């Protein structure tokens, strides 16, 4: 039989062990409760983050919706068209500039009056080529949309020269440039651009103003037309210090003659970019056809890209362009691909 003192001591040891186990168990329970609380907190935090993510999506969609409707409602509320009489209206482009419109124009004019833009994808490419201080030529300005975009982009440090031989449209472009405050550095020249000075017949339709063209044929009784003055840009800009950065040209088949008349200007403009229409069938009516025009451009050192319907560029060879005889193609000419497309 063990002595009472040993039994008491054993009880004391067992009591200590039990106490230690009780403390350990309480600690485990406390840790478990803490972990459970942490898990609950984490779930709540994750739920809050999910709600926040959904709110951000809603916020983004609201912002997109506000921008979408603002762009359209602004034209209705603060940018309405006003008829001025004599087939003339004033309206606003999407970029906020004012422009005068011939209301008989069912192609260019009706787009500007109802949408505030013309050839948006082509215009986006044109805008991307412009920078502050550039010198820009708009050859075949029509209502002057490209000239206005150019004047806004290049600012007073730049220069814009717009050429439009149709006297009616030329007056509208001149007025549009001036009412937007661009008169100090944007100039309207009421001439057609060719390879030499002279007088030619411009045939056009008031209803389809975008199709006016210098006629090489005898005038037809059914064709509306006027005599217009022609100018060669190498003569107009004879100063060897004058160079150009961007050219937009839309002259309905007269491109070869226009380019021939500005060859020296293009040769001394190493960074010039030219956006123009190219149509072999259309150019066949001129004394400088499509192949001769491309040969001249290649001699000057230009490379060619076709402009897609979305404004994208695809490298084009001379034979590729000539192969689509009946198609009017939009092309970009430059000595090197502009950096924005690298």
C-alpha atoms as a PDB file:
ATOM      1  CA  UNK A   1       0.000   0.000   0.000  1.00  0.00           C
ATOM      2  CA  UNK A   2       1.287   3.403  -1.076  1.00  0.00           C
ATOM      3  CA  UNK A   3       1.875   6.053   1.508  1.00  0.00           C
ATOM      4  CA  UNK A   4      -0.777   8.799   1.644  1.00  0.00           C
ATOM      5  CA  UNK A   5       1.832  11.384   0.679  1.00  0.00           C
ATOM      6  CA  UNK A   6       2.555   9.586  -2.631  1.00  0.00           C
ATOM      7  CA  UNK A   7      -1.124   9.278  -3.379  1.00  0.00           C
ATOM      8  CA  UNK A   8      -1.614  13.003  -2.769  1.00  0.00           C
ATOM      9  CA  UNK A   9       1.358  13.806  -4.935  1.00  0.00           C
ATOM     10  CA  UNK A  10       0.022  11.605  -7.729  1.00  0.00           C
ATOM     11  CA  UNK A  11      -3.319  13.382  -7.477  1.00  0.00           C
ATOM     12  CA  UNK A  12      -1.563  16.710  -7.648  1.00  0.00           C
ATOM     13  CA  UNK A  13       0.349  15.597 -10.801  1.00  0.00           C
ATOM     14  CA  UNK A  14      -2.830  14.290 -12.390  1.00  0.00           C
ATOM     15  CA  UNK A  15      -4.637  17.491 -11.449  1.00  0.00           C
ATOM     16  CA  UNK A  16      -1.882  19.561 -13.101  1.00  0.00           C
ATOM     17  CA  UNK A  17      -2.037  17.442 -16.253  1.00  0.00           C
ATOM     18  CA  UNK A  18      -5.797  17.790 -16.328  1.00  0.00           C
ATOM     19  CA  UNK A  19      -5.484  21.519 -15.830  1.00  0.00           C
ATOM     20  CA  UNK A  20      -2.910  21.735 -18.645  1.00  0.00           C
ATOM     21  CA  UNK A  21      -5.211  19.723 -20.918  1.00  0.00           C
ATOM     22  CA  UNK A  22      -8.094  21.949 -19.974  1.00  0.00           C
ATOM     23  CA  UNK A  23      -6.032  25.046 -20.848  1.00  0.00           C
ATOM     24  CA  UNK A  24      -4.907  23.432 -24.127  1.00  0.00           C
ATOM     25  CA  UNK A  25      -8.494  22.508 -24.958  1.00  0.00           C
ATOM     26  CA  UNK A  26      -9.682  26.018 -24.157  1.00  0.00           C
ATOM     27  CA  UNK A  27      -6.901  27.367 -26.379  1.00  0.00           C
ATOM     28  CA  UNK A  28      -7.925  25.045 -29.181  1.00  0.00           C
ATOM     29  CA  UNK A  29     -11.545  26.103 -28.774  1.00  0.00           C
ATOM     30  CA  UNK A  30     -10.512  29.762 -28.805  1.00  0.00           C
ATOM     31  CA  UNK A  31      -8.435  29.223 -31.955  1.00  0.00           C
ATOM     32  CA  UNK A  32     -11.314  27.370 -33.581  1.00  0.00           C
ATOM     33  CA  UNK A  33     -13.727  30.165 -32.701  1.00  0.00           C
ATOM     34  CA  UNK A  34     -11.219  32.737 -34.049  1.00  0.00           C
ATOM     35  CA  UNK A  35     -10.787  30.753 -37.257  1.00  0.00           C
ATOM     36  CA  UNK A  36     -14.557  30.472 -37.615  1.00  0.00           C
ATOM     37  CA  UNK A  37     -14.974  34.182 -37.042  1.00  0.00           C
ATOM     38  CA  UNK A  38     -12.171  34.864 -39.561  1.00  0.00           C
ATOM     39  CA  UNK A  39     -13.833  32.586 -42.095  1.00  0.00           C
ATOM     40  CA  UNK A  40     -17.128  34.395 -41.602  1.00  0.00           C
ATOM     41  CA  UNK A  41     -15.342  37.738 -41.989  1.00  0.00           C
ATOM     42  CA  UNK A  42     -13.557  36.521 -45.114  1.00  0.00           C
ATOM     43  CA  UNK A  43     -16.880  35.372 -46.589  1.00  0.00           C
ATOM     44  CA  UNK A  44     -18.406  38.741 -45.817  1.00  0.00           C
ATOM     45  CA  UNK A  45     -15.416  40.574 -47.302  1.00  0.00           C
ATOM     46  CA  UNK A  46     -15.585  38.433 -50.447  1.00  0.00           C
ATOM     47  CA  UNK A  47     -19.311  39.059 -50.714  1.00  0.00           C
ATOM     48  CA  UNK A  48     -18.654  42.788 -50.354  1.00  0.00           C
ATOM     49  CA  UNK A  49     -15.953  42.632 -53.040  1.00  0.00           C
ATOM     50  CA  UNK A  50     -18.345  40.804 -55.342  1.00  0.00           C
ATOM     51  CA  UNK A  51     -20.976  43.465 -54.736  1.00  0.00           C
ATOM     52  CA  UNK A  52     -18.383  46.151 -55.415  1.00  0.00           C
ATOM     53  CA  UNK A  53     -17.358  44.478 -58.672  1.00  0.00           C
ATOM     54  CA  UNK A  54     -20.994  44.366 -59.767  1.00  0.00           C
ATOM     55  CA  UNK A  55     -21.374  48.030 -58.828  1.00  0.00           C
ATOM     56  CA  UNK A  56     -18.310  48.907 -60.917  1.00  0.00           C
ATOM     57  CA  UNK A  57     -19.828  47.120 -63.902  1.00  0.00           C
ATOM     58  CA  UNK A  58     -23.069  49.015 -63.367  1.00  0.00           C
ATOM     59  CA  UNK A  59     -21.126  52.270 -62.969  1.00  0.00           C
ATOM     60  CA  UNK A  60     -19.193  51.597 -66.173  1.00  0.00           C
ATOM     61  CA  UNK A  61     -22.379  50.851 -68.074  1.00  0.00           C
ATOM     62  CA  UNK A  62     -24.008  53.971 -66.702  1.00  0.00           C
ATOM     63  CA  UNK A  63     -21.025  56.048 -67.804  1.00  0.00           C
ATOM     64  CA  UNK A  64     -21.145  54.483 -71.263  1.00  0.00           C
ATOM     65  CA  UNK A  65     -24.874  55.062 -71.443  1.00  0.00           C
ATOM     66  CA  UNK A  66     -24.570  58.684 -70.344  1.00  0.00           C
ATOM     67  CA  UNK A  67     -21.838  59.316 -72.939  1.00  0.00           C
ATOM     68  CA  UNK A  68     -23.884  57.574 -75.630  1.00  0.00           C
ATOM     69  CA  UNK A  69     -27.038  59.581 -75.000  1.00  0.00           C
ATOM     70  CA  UNK A  70     -25.186  62.832 -74.288  1.00  0.00           C
ATOM     71  CA  UNK A  71     -23.491  62.728 -77.676  1.00  0.00           C
ATOM     72  CA  UNK A  72     -26.871  62.362 -79.334  1.00  0.00           C
ATOM     73  CA  UNK A  73     -28.954  64.640 -77.133  1.00  0.00           C
ATOM     74  CA  UNK A  74     -26.397  67.449 -77.380  1.00  0.00           C
ATOM     75  CA  UNK A  75     -26.984  67.588 -81.110  1.00  0.00           C
ATOM     76  CA  UNK A  76     -30.717  67.883 -80.493  1.00  0.00           C
ATOM     77  CA  UNK A  77     -30.534  70.397 -77.653  1.00  0.00           C
ATOM     78  CA  UNK A  78     -27.572  72.637 -78.428  1.00  0.00           C
ATOM     79  CA  UNK A  79     -26.437  71.845 -81.945  1.00  0.00           C
ATOM     80  CA  UNK A  80     -29.513  72.105 -84.110  1.00  0.00           C
ATOM     81  CA  UNK A  81     -29.370  72.980 -87.792  1.00  0.00           C
ATOM     82  CA  UNK A  82     -30.714  76.362 -88.854  1.00  0.00           C
ATOM     83  CA  UNK A  83     -31.907  77.120 -92.352  1.00  0.00           C
ATOM     84  CA  UNK A  84     -30.548  80.449 -93.588  1.00  0.00           C
ATOM     85  CA  UNK A  85     -32.314  80.639 -96.928  1.00  0.00           C
ATOM     86  CA  UNK A  86     -30.997  80.286-100.481  1.00  0.00           C
ATOM     87  CA  UNK A  87     -30.450  76.513-100.089  1.00  0.00           C
ATOM     88  CA  UNK A  88     -28.071  77.161 -97.183  1.00  0.00           C
ATOM     89  CA  UNK A  89     -28.101  75.855 -93.607  1.00  0.00           C
ATOM     90  CA  UNK A  90     -25.655  76.004 -90.727  1.00  0.00           C
ATOM     91  CA  UNK A  91     -25.135  72.973 -88.537  1.00  0.00           C
ATOM     92  CA  UNK A  92     -22.568  71.497 -86.181  1.00  0.00           C
ATOM     93  CA  UNK A  93     -20.048  68.753 -86.743  1.00  0.00           C
ATOM     94  CA  UNK A  94     -19.610  66.139 -84.023  1.00  0.00           C
ATOM     95  CA  UNK A  95     -16.426  67.881 -82.905  1.00  0.00           C
ATOM     96  CA  UNK A  96     -18.407  71.064 -82.229  1.00  0.00           C
ATOM     97  CA  UNK A  97     -17.319  73.079 -85.269  1.00  0.00           C
ATOM     98  CA  UNK A  98     -19.928  74.993 -87.253  1.00  0.00           C
ATOM     99  CA  UNK A  99     -20.284  74.322 -90.964  1.00  0.00           C
ATOM    100  CA  UNK A 100     -22.415  75.765 -93.761  1.00  0.00           C
ATOM    101  CA  UNK A 101     -24.279  73.250 -95.920  1.00  0.00           C
ATOM    102  CA  UNK A 102     -25.899  73.342 -99.346  1.00  0.00           C
ATOM    103  CA  UNK A 103     -29.260  71.779 -98.485  1.00  0.00           C
ATOM    104  CA  UNK A 104     -29.663  70.376-102.008  1.00  0.00           C
ATOM    105  CA  UNK A 105     -26.737  68.007-101.432  1.00  0.00           C
ATOM    106  CA  UNK A 106     -28.158  64.529-100.884  1.00  0.00           C
ATOM    107  CA  UNK A 107     -24.781  62.836-100.302  1.00  0.00           C
ATOM    108  CA  UNK A 108     -22.318  64.960 -98.336  1.00  0.00           C
ATOM    109  CA  UNK A 109     -24.837  67.579 -97.209  1.00  0.00           C
ATOM    110  CA  UNK A 110     -27.509  65.268 -95.825  1.00  0.00           C
ATOM    111  CA  UNK A 111     -24.919  63.317 -93.789  1.00  0.00           C
ATOM    112  CA  UNK A 112     -23.583  66.509 -92.253  1.00  0.00           C
ATOM    113  CA  UNK A 113     -27.049  67.820 -91.454  1.00  0.00           C
ATOM    114  CA  UNK A 114     -28.292  64.601 -89.829  1.00  0.00           C
ATOM    115  CA  UNK A 115     -25.145  63.012 -88.396  1.00  0.00           C
ATOM    116  CA  UNK A 116     -22.580  65.796 -88.139  1.00  0.00           C
ATOM    117  CA  UNK A 117     -19.938  63.741 -89.916  1.00  0.00           C
ATOM    118  CA  UNK A 118     -18.814  62.469 -93.304  1.00  0.00           C
ATOM    119  CA  UNK A 119     -16.736  59.317 -93.986  1.00  0.00           C
ATOM    120  CA  UNK A 120     -16.061  58.744 -90.258  1.00  0.00           C
ATOM    121  CA  UNK A 121     -13.540  55.894 -90.643  1.00  0.00           C
ATOM    122  CA  UNK A 122     -11.595  57.709 -93.343  1.00  0.00           C
ATOM    123  CA  UNK A 123     -11.777  60.894 -91.293  1.00  0.00           C
ATOM    124  CA  UNK A 124     -10.416  59.089 -88.221  1.00  0.00           C
ATOM    125  CA  UNK A 125      -7.371  58.037 -90.252  1.00  0.00           C
ATOM    126  CA  UNK A 126      -6.954  61.599 -91.518  1.00  0.00           C
ATOM    127  CA  UNK A 127      -7.153  62.998 -87.970  1.00  0.00           C
ATOM    128  CA  UNK A 128      -4.518  60.514 -86.782  1.00  0.00           C
ATOM    129  CA  UNK A 129      -2.016  61.881 -89.318  1.00  0.00           C
ATOM    130  CA  UNK A 130      -2.341  65.492 -88.127  1.00  0.00           C
ATOM    131  CA  UNK A 131      -0.328  67.232 -85.439  1.00  0.00           C
ATOM    132  CA  UNK A 132       0.009  70.759 -84.136  1.00  0.00           C
ATOM    133  CA  UNK A 133       1.924  73.021 -86.506  1.00  0.00           C
ATOM    134  CA  UNK A 134       1.441  70.909 -89.657  1.00  0.00           C
ATOM    135  CA  UNK A 135       0.840  72.294 -93.123  1.00  0.00           C
ATOM    136  CA  UNK A 136      -2.160  70.590 -94.723  1.00  0.00           C
ATOM    137  CA  UNK A 137      -3.658  70.675 -98.227  1.00  0.00           C
ATOM    138  CA  UNK A 138      -7.321  69.779 -98.790  1.00  0.00           C
ATOM    139  CA  UNK A 139      -7.627  69.370-102.566  1.00  0.00           C
ATOM    140  CA  UNK A 140     -11.237  69.017-103.611  1.00  0.00           C
ATOM    141  CA  UNK A 141     -12.601  70.437-100.365  1.00  0.00           C
ATOM    142  CA  UNK A 142     -16.313  70.124-101.235  1.00  0.00           C
ATOM    143  CA  UNK A 143     -18.107  71.399 -98.074  1.00  0.00           C
ATOM    144  CA  UNK A 144     -14.787  71.736 -96.222  1.00  0.00           C
ATOM    145  CA  UNK A 145     -15.136  68.981 -93.604  1.00  0.00           C
ATOM    146  CA  UNK A 146     -11.513  67.868 -93.917  1.00  0.00           C
ATOM    147  CA  UNK A 147     -10.240  71.440 -93.968  1.00  0.00           C
ATOM    148  CA  UNK A 148     -12.136  72.198 -90.742  1.00  0.00           C
ATOM    149  CA  UNK A 149     -10.808  69.076 -89.006  1.00  0.00           C
ATOM    150  CA  UNK A 150      -7.294  69.980 -90.145  1.00  0.00           C
ATOM    151  CA  UNK A 151      -7.552  73.593 -88.935  1.00  0.00           C
ATOM    152  CA  UNK A 152      -8.737  72.440 -85.512  1.00  0.00           C
ATOM    153  CA  UNK A 153      -5.862  69.949 -85.241  1.00  0.00           C
ATOM    154  CA  UNK A 154      -2.909  72.031 -86.486  1.00  0.00           C
ATOM    155  CA  UNK A 155      -3.849  75.224 -84.655  1.00  0.00           C
ATOM    156  CA  UNK A 156      -2.504  78.740 -85.319  1.00  0.00           C
ATOM    157  CA  UNK A 157       1.054  77.400 -85.608  1.00  0.00           C
ATOM    158  CA  UNK A 158      -0.002  75.398 -88.670  1.00  0.00           C
ATOM    159  CA  UNK A 159      -1.399  76.183 -92.102  1.00  0.00           C
ATOM    160  CA  UNK A 160      -4.368  74.800 -94.027  1.00  0.00           C
ATOM    161  CA  UNK A 161      -4.913  75.417 -97.739  1.00  0.00           C
ATOM    162  CA  UNK A 162      -8.251  74.242 -99.121  1.00  0.00           C
ATOM    163  CA  UNK A 163      -8.955  74.082-102.870  1.00  0.00           C
ATOM    164  CA  UNK A 164     -12.482  73.968-104.260  1.00  0.00           C
ATOM    165  CA  UNK A 165     -13.297  75.049-107.862  1.00  0.00           C
ATOM    166  CA  UNK A 166     -17.093  74.943-107.439  1.00  0.00           C
ATOM    167  CA  UNK A 167     -17.849  78.630-106.696  1.00  0.00           C
ATOM    168  CA  UNK A 168     -20.925  77.836-104.610  1.00  0.00           C
ATOM    169  CA  UNK A 169     -19.130  75.350-102.372  1.00  0.00           C
ATOM    170  CA  UNK A 170     -16.003  77.515-102.254  1.00  0.00           C
ATOM    171  CA  UNK A 171     -17.997  80.368-100.698  1.00  0.00           C
ATOM    172  CA  UNK A 172     -19.468  78.022 -98.095  1.00  0.00           C
ATOM    173  CA  UNK A 173     -16.041  76.618 -97.158  1.00  0.00           C
ATOM    174  CA  UNK A 174     -14.540  80.089 -96.892  1.00  0.00           C
ATOM    175  CA  UNK A 175     -17.378  81.187 -94.593  1.00  0.00           C
ATOM    176  CA  UNK A 176     -17.137  78.017 -92.472  1.00  0.00           C
ATOM    177  CA  UNK A 177     -13.403  78.491 -91.897  1.00  0.00           C
ATOM    178  CA  UNK A 178     -13.923  82.086 -90.849  1.00  0.00           C
ATOM    179  CA  UNK A 179     -16.911  81.620 -88.504  1.00  0.00           C
ATOM    180  CA  UNK A 180     -14.881  79.038 -86.569  1.00  0.00           C
ATOM    181  CA  UNK A 181     -12.011  81.500 -86.112  1.00  0.00           C
ATOM    182  CA  UNK A 182      -9.603  79.768 -88.521  1.00  0.00           C
ATOM    183  CA  UNK A 183      -9.333  82.626 -91.021  1.00  0.00           C
ATOM    184  CA  UNK A 184      -5.856  83.605 -89.846  1.00  0.00           C
ATOM    185  CA  UNK A 185      -4.243  80.334 -90.852  1.00  0.00           C
ATOM    186  CA  UNK A 186      -6.732  78.454 -93.037  1.00  0.00           C
ATOM    187  CA  UNK A 187      -7.187  79.709 -96.596  1.00  0.00           C
ATOM    188  CA  UNK A 188      -9.734  78.790 -99.259  1.00  0.00           C
ATOM    189  CA  UNK A 189      -8.450  78.868-102.848  1.00  0.00           C
ATOM    190  CA  UNK A 190     -11.319  78.855-105.402  1.00  0.00           C
ATOM    191  CA  UNK A 191      -9.305  76.871-107.948  1.00  0.00           C
ATOM    192  CA  UNK A 192      -8.995  73.393-109.331  1.00  0.00           C
ATOM    193  CA  UNK A 193      -5.551  71.814-108.904  1.00  0.00           C
ATOM    194  CA  UNK A 194      -3.841  70.601-112.074  1.00  0.00           C
ATOM    195  CA  UNK A 195      -0.429  70.486-113.794  1.00  0.00           C
ATOM    196  CA  UNK A 196      -0.629  74.026-115.187  1.00  0.00           C
ATOM    197  CA  UNK A 197      -2.602  77.233-114.872  1.00  0.00           C
ATOM    198  CA  UNK A 198      -5.604  77.498-117.153  1.00  0.00           C
ATOM    199  CA  UNK A 199      -9.362  77.399-117.452  1.00  0.00           C
ATOM    200  CA  UNK A 200     -11.450  74.213-117.511  1.00  0.00           C
ATOM    201  CA  UNK A 201     -15.060  73.151-117.267  1.00  0.00           C
ATOM    202  CA  UNK A 202     -16.242  71.789-113.931  1.00  0.00           C
ATOM    203  CA  UNK A 203     -19.320  69.575-114.208  1.00  0.00           C
ATOM    204  CA  UNK A 204     -21.342  68.833-111.089  1.00  0.00           C
ATOM    205  CA  UNK A 205     -24.734  68.103-109.621  1.00  0.00           C
ATOM    206  CA  UNK A 206     -26.231  70.098-106.760  1.00  0.00           C
ATOM    207  CA  UNK A 207     -27.922  66.937-105.492  1.00  0.00           C
ATOM    208  CA  UNK A 208     -24.700  64.903-105.465  1.00  0.00           C
ATOM    209  CA  UNK A 209     -22.067  67.488-104.662  1.00  0.00           C
ATOM    210  CA  UNK A 210     -19.368  64.902-103.995  1.00  0.00           C
ATOM    211  CA  UNK A 211     -19.135  63.999-107.689  1.00  0.00           C
ATOM    212  CA  UNK A 212     -17.984  67.303-109.214  1.00  0.00           C
ATOM    213  CA  UNK A 213     -15.178  66.767-111.731  1.00  0.00           C
ATOM    214  CA  UNK A 214     -12.970  68.584-114.220  1.00  0.00           C
ATOM    215  CA  UNK A 215     -14.316  67.558-117.616  1.00  0.00           C
ATOM    216  CA  UNK A 216     -11.974  66.680-120.483  1.00  0.00           C
ATOM    217  CA  UNK A 217     -14.900  66.138-122.842  1.00  0.00           C
ATOM    218  CA  UNK A 218     -17.094  68.539-124.739  1.00  0.00           C
ATOM    219  CA  UNK A 219     -19.874  69.859-122.497  1.00  0.00           C
ATOM    220  CA  UNK A 220     -23.164  67.975-122.658  1.00  0.00           C
ATOM    221  CA  UNK A 221     -26.436  69.887-122.577  1.00  0.00           C
ATOM    222  CA  UNK A 222     -27.690  67.780-119.646  1.00  0.00           C
ATOM    223  CA  UNK A 223     -24.599  68.445-117.549  1.00  0.00           C
ATOM    224  CA  UNK A 224     -24.556  71.402-115.225  1.00  0.00           C
ATOM    225  CA  UNK A 225     -21.185  73.077-115.244  1.00  0.00           C
ATOM    226  CA  UNK A 226     -19.156  76.237-114.847  1.00  0.00           C
ATOM    227  CA  UNK A 227     -15.783  77.440-116.003  1.00  0.00           C
ATOM    228  CA  UNK A 228     -13.156  77.261-113.298  1.00  0.00           C
ATOM    229  CA  UNK A 229      -9.574  78.384-112.907  1.00  0.00           C
ATOM    230  CA  UNK A 230      -6.792  75.822-112.578  1.00  0.00           C
ATOM    231  CA  UNK A 231      -3.531  76.200-110.706  1.00  0.00           C
ATOM    232  CA  UNK A 232      -0.352  74.125-110.398  1.00  0.00           C
ATOM    233  CA  UNK A 233       0.814  73.916-106.794  1.00  0.00           C
ATOM    234  CA  UNK A 234       4.495  74.029-107.776  1.00  0.00           C
ATOM    235  CA  UNK A 235       3.743  77.501-109.146  1.00  0.00           C
ATOM    236  CA  UNK A 236       1.477  78.624-106.305  1.00  0.00           C
ATOM    237  CA  UNK A 237       3.933  77.409-103.639  1.00  0.00           C
ATOM    238  CA  UNK A 238       7.174  78.171-105.473  1.00  0.00           C
ATOM    239  CA  UNK A 239       9.093  79.131-102.324  1.00  0.00           C
ATOM    240  CA  UNK A 240      11.612  76.285-101.803  1.00  0.00           C
ATOM    241  CA  UNK A 241      11.187  76.652 -98.044  1.00  0.00           C
ATOM    242  CA  UNK A 242       7.508  75.718 -98.280  1.00  0.00           C
ATOM    243  CA  UNK A 243       6.770  72.043 -97.593  1.00  0.00           C
ATOM    244  CA  UNK A 244       3.671  70.070 -96.744  1.00  0.00           C
ATOM    245  CA  UNK A 245       2.897  67.420 -94.119  1.00  0.00           C
ATOM    246  CA  UNK A 246      -0.529  66.012 -95.035  1.00  0.00           C
ATOM    247  CA  UNK A 247      -2.522  66.071 -98.280  1.00  0.00           C
ATOM    248  CA  UNK A 248      -6.121  64.930 -98.720  1.00  0.00           C
ATOM    249  CA  UNK A 249      -7.163  64.752-102.368  1.00  0.00           C
ATOM    250  CA  UNK A 250     -10.554  63.943-103.898  1.00  0.00           C
ATOM    251  CA  UNK A 251     -10.680  65.231-107.490  1.00  0.00           C
ATOM    252  CA  UNK A 252     -12.658  62.542-109.317  1.00  0.00           C
ATOM    253  CA  UNK A 253     -10.047  61.262-111.793  1.00  0.00           C
ATOM    254  CA  UNK A 254      -7.862  64.380-112.048  1.00  0.00           C
ATOM    255  CA  UNK A 255      -5.340  63.014-109.521  1.00  0.00           C
ATOM    256  CA  UNK A 256      -2.541  62.386-112.024  1.00  0.00           C
ATOM    257  CA  UNK A 257      -2.523  65.938-113.337  1.00  0.00           C
ATOM    258  CA  UNK A 258      -2.769  67.382-109.811  1.00  0.00           C
ATOM    259  CA  UNK A 259       0.183  65.283-108.626  1.00  0.00           C
ATOM    260  CA  UNK A 260       2.235  66.158-111.686  1.00  0.00           C
ATOM    261  CA  UNK A 261       1.683  69.836-110.912  1.00  0.00           C
ATOM    262  CA  UNK A 262       2.947  69.457-107.335  1.00  0.00           C
ATOM    263  CA  UNK A 263       5.853  67.103-107.967  1.00  0.00           C
ATOM    264  CA  UNK A 264       8.574  69.514-106.818  1.00  0.00           C
ATOM    265  CA  UNK A 265       6.570  70.303-103.682  1.00  0.00           C
ATOM    266  CA  UNK A 266       6.267  66.586-102.871  1.00  0.00           C
ATOM    267  CA  UNK A 267       9.959  65.996-103.536  1.00  0.00           C
ATOM    268  CA  UNK A 268      10.952  68.607-100.940  1.00  0.00           C
ATOM    269  CA  UNK A 269       8.397  67.302 -98.388  1.00  0.00           C
ATOM    270  CA  UNK A 270      10.086  64.129 -97.067  1.00  0.00           C
ATOM    271  CA  UNK A 271       7.469  63.299 -94.440  1.00  0.00           C
ATOM    272  CA  UNK A 272       4.330  64.078 -96.432  1.00  0.00           C
ATOM    273  CA  UNK A 273       1.364  61.689 -96.223  1.00  0.00           C
ATOM    274  CA  UNK A 274      -1.246  61.701 -98.996  1.00  0.00           C
ATOM    275  CA  UNK A 275      -4.777  60.357 -98.652  1.00  0.00           C
ATOM    276  CA  UNK A 276      -6.553  60.125-101.993  1.00  0.00           C
ATOM    277  CA  UNK A 277      -9.090  58.278-104.101  1.00  0.00           C
ATOM    278  CA  UNK A 278      -7.692  56.000-106.776  1.00  0.00           C
ATOM    279  CA  UNK A 279      -9.819  54.615-109.583  1.00  0.00           C
ATOM    280  CA  UNK A 280      -8.340  53.393-112.854  1.00  0.00           C
ATOM    281  CA  UNK A 281     -11.602  53.724-114.773  1.00  0.00           C
ATOM    282  CA  UNK A 282     -12.214  57.222-113.423  1.00  0.00           C
ATOM    283  CA  UNK A 283      -8.630  58.326-114.150  1.00  0.00           C
ATOM    284  CA  UNK A 284      -8.825  57.012-117.717  1.00  0.00           C
ATOM    285  CA  UNK A 285     -10.854  60.113-118.578  1.00  0.00           C
ATOM    286  CA  UNK A 286      -7.798  62.263-117.800  1.00  0.00           C
ATOM    287  CA  UNK A 287      -4.664  62.724-119.888  1.00  0.00           C
ATOM    288  CA  UNK A 288      -2.655  61.185-117.019  1.00  0.00           C
ATOM    289  CA  UNK A 289      -3.982  57.711-116.335  1.00  0.00           C
ATOM    290  CA  UNK A 290      -3.683  55.382-113.376  1.00  0.00           C
ATOM    291  CA  UNK A 291      -0.496  53.547-114.403  1.00  0.00           C
ATOM    292  CA  UNK A 292       1.352  56.745-115.285  1.00  0.00           C
ATOM    293  CA  UNK A 293       0.275  58.247-111.972  1.00  0.00           C
ATOM    294  CA  UNK A 294       1.573  55.264-109.997  1.00  0.00           C
ATOM    295  CA  UNK A 295       4.861  55.288-111.914  1.00  0.00           C
ATOM    296  CA  UNK A 296       5.342  58.952-111.026  1.00  0.00           C
ATOM    297  CA  UNK A 297       4.607  58.303-107.348  1.00  0.00           C
ATOM    298  CA  UNK A 298       7.065  55.405-107.292  1.00  0.00           C
ATOM    299  CA  UNK A 299       9.759  57.633-108.840  1.00  0.00           C
ATOM    300  CA  UNK A 300       9.239  60.179-106.062  1.00  0.00           C
ATOM    301  CA  UNK A 301       9.659  57.390-103.510  1.00  0.00           C
ATOM    302  CA  UNK A 302       6.144  56.729-102.265  1.00  0.00           C
ATOM    303  CA  UNK A 303       4.847  53.451-100.893  1.00  0.00           C
ATOM    304  CA  UNK A 304       1.136  52.633-101.025  1.00  0.00           C
ATOM    305  CA  UNK A 305      -1.462  51.232 -98.639  1.00  0.00           C
ATOM    306  CA  UNK A 306      -5.120  50.559 -99.267  1.00  0.00           C
ATOM    307  CA  UNK A 307      -7.453  51.994 -96.635  1.00  0.00           C
ATOM    308  CA  UNK A 308     -10.079  49.478 -95.503  1.00  0.00           C
ATOM    309  CA  UNK A 309     -13.679  50.261 -94.663  1.00  0.00           C
ATOM    310  CA  UNK A 310     -12.732  50.422 -90.980  1.00  0.00           C
ATOM    311  CA  UNK A 311      -9.725  52.686 -91.565  1.00  0.00           C
ATOM    312  CA  UNK A 312      -7.195  49.832 -91.446  1.00  0.00           C
ATOM    313  CA  UNK A 313      -4.178  49.824 -93.776  1.00  0.00           C
ATOM    314  CA  UNK A 314      -3.017  47.033 -96.098  1.00  0.00           C
ATOM    315  CA  UNK A 315       0.189  47.326 -98.116  1.00  0.00           C
ATOM    316  CA  UNK A 316      -0.595  47.472-101.830  1.00  0.00           C
ATOM    317  CA  UNK A 317       1.506  46.985-104.940  1.00  0.00           C
ATOM    318  CA  UNK A 318       1.046  48.889-108.158  1.00  0.00           C
ATOM    319  CA  UNK A 319      -0.407  45.859-109.896  1.00  0.00           C
ATOM    320  CA  UNK A 320      -2.861  45.223-107.058  1.00  0.00           C
ATOM    321  CA  UNK A 321      -4.251  48.729-107.396  1.00  0.00           C
ATOM    322  CA  UNK A 322      -4.451  48.535-111.182  1.00  0.00           C
ATOM    323  CA  UNK A 323      -6.196  45.161-111.070  1.00  0.00           C
ATOM    324  CA  UNK A 324      -9.404  46.661-109.633  1.00  0.00           C
ATOM    325  CA  UNK A 325     -10.160  48.701-112.733  1.00  0.00           C
ATOM    326  CA  UNK A 326     -13.792  49.505-111.945  1.00  0.00           C
ATOM    327  CA  UNK A 327     -13.340  50.078-108.191  1.00  0.00           C
ATOM    328  CA  UNK A 328     -12.689  53.425-106.524  1.00  0.00           C
ATOM    329  CA  UNK A 329     -10.161  52.732-103.763  1.00  0.00           C
ATOM    330  CA  UNK A 330      -9.020  54.913-100.885  1.00  0.00           C
ATOM    331  CA  UNK A 331      -5.244  54.814-100.551  1.00  0.00           C
ATOM    332  CA  UNK A 332      -2.535  56.264 -98.339  1.00  0.00           C
ATOM    333  CA  UNK A 333       0.800  57.299 -99.828  1.00  0.00           C
ATOM    334  CA  UNK A 334       3.943  57.895 -97.779  1.00  0.00           C
ATOM    335  CA  UNK A 335       7.642  57.197 -98.009  1.00  0.00           C
ATOM    336  CA  UNK A 336       7.436  55.195 -94.803  1.00  0.00           C
ATOM    337  CA  UNK A 337       4.546  53.812 -92.777  1.00  0.00           C
ATOM    338  CA  UNK A 338       3.524  56.557 -90.311  1.00  0.00           C
ATOM    339  CA  UNK A 339       4.688  55.828 -86.761  1.00  0.00           C
ATOM    340  CA  UNK A 340       1.152  55.576 -85.439  1.00  0.00           C
ATOM    341  CA  UNK A 341       0.800  52.302 -87.360  1.00  0.00           C
ATOM    342  CA  UNK A 342       4.101  50.713 -86.236  1.00  0.00           C
END
